[in-house]
Amino acid sequence: MDKAAKQTRTHARTAAILSIIPGLGQFYNKQIFKGIAFLVIAFLYITGFWNLFNMGFWGLFTLGTEVPRDNSIFLLAEGLIAVLILGIGLMFYWLNINDAYKNGEKIDNGLQPTKFSTGIKETFAKDYPYLLISPGLLLLIFTVIFPILFSFALAFTNYDLYHTAPAHLANWVGFNTFKQIFTVDIWRSTFFDVLGWTVIWTIVASTLSVAIGIFMAIVVHQKDLKFKRLWRTILVLPWAVPGFVTILIFAGMFNDSFGAVNTVILKALGIHSISWMTNPGWTKAALLFVQSWLGFPYIFVVTTGVLQSIPDDLYEAAIMDGATAWDKFKKITLPFILSQMAPIIITQYTFNFNNFNIIYLFNNGGPAAANSTAGGTDILVSWIYKLTMQSNQYALAAALTILLSVFVIAIALWQFKRTNSFKEG
């Protein structure tokens, strides 16, 4: 039986083998127009991108051999583009072989292969969604995937101030850049200091925003509270103001010399001026306050909607069982809020882990820290920015970006896995 089945696939196998040269398998299946189409596309692809492949792959492997003629970064980018276009070509090549094999199977089964015009109609009928998104997919490949690949590849080079065109070439160094992060004293100490503050910043700033937002939403949701609309409007106002404007205003208010916090508020309370911008500890406290102010309105709005969806029957049943207000909050309100808002809460933590705006706009990651290449309040993303824009440590910044991405993705996946928000019931 198996032997007979194999014999019935003879035409299909032959067509697939002939399709090593695009179009020949279709010719073998007597699909002349389709064969011509595959052959022409393959010819245009090879002739159109031959120079790109030739130069691109040479540049990708060597990163250049002669200065000032070669630019390592341009060659790296060109090589990665060649890789992406090769991937698209291989997909077309697989479609060519698969089409020849499928139509060959029809011939083996005594059927007629699909006509060229009929195939086009069937493609539009069955695969219309894929055709519709294909332009966007191509755009995604070159605007999202390409930059990611470029940053990833850059981390395995020695591209920095001393290995830049036109005077110098960059070279592939493998994992040496990652090794430097943990072996060179200044990089190691800076990395762990910045990572430690980044984790503390993420946990404290996000938790404060979430806790304040949920607390204010529960308070405003109380039935006995009057002027609910007014209170809700007031609490949402910080969200209505653009974030960068709020940060710059608070940066002025916390200024050591003329800021309103020192000259008005603390002075009225009889407290000496505080070095908000020159003492790392006080700068961190100010940053946590500002982020809490910026973050709680969004949580407040979302929690308000969640509270309105909690059935009143649950509270009535709890009252009949003699539950106190704390019991109702602990057993009904809080679990319901956390289960419904888990994805939003998780995104708050991942967002603050990479919250570049507030760190940079408030005090540029300062004040300066001794024996460190980062500022006293820099988080990983702002330190990476400084390494790129100020120190020209491009490869090191790319390596740190990879570590940062892995860390964020791992934490996010772990948190999502521990919640029930995405589990199907």
Foldseek 3Di string as FASTA:
>chain_A
DVVVVVVLQPLLVVLLVLCVQFLRLCVSLVQNVNSVVRNVVVVCLCVVCVVLQVQQCVLCAFLDDDALVGWSLVSNLSNLVNVVSVVVVVVSSVVRSVLSNVQSSCVSVVHRGDHPVRVVVVCCVPVVVVVVCVVVVVVCCVPPVSVLVSLQQLLQKQFFPVAGPRVHGIDGNGCVLVVCCCPPVQNVVQVVLQAVLLLVQLVLLLVLLLVVLLVLLVVLPDPPDPPSVVSLVVLLVLQVDDLLVLLLLLLQLLDQPDHCVQPPVCVVVVHHGDHCQADLVNVSVSLSVSSSSNRNSVSNVVLNVQVVPFDVVVVVVCVVVVDDPVRCCVPPSVVSSCQQCLVVSLVSSLCSSQVQSNCCSNHHQADDDPSHQGHSRDHLNSSLVCCVPPRRSSSSSSVSVVVSVVVSVVVSVVSVVPHCNPPDD
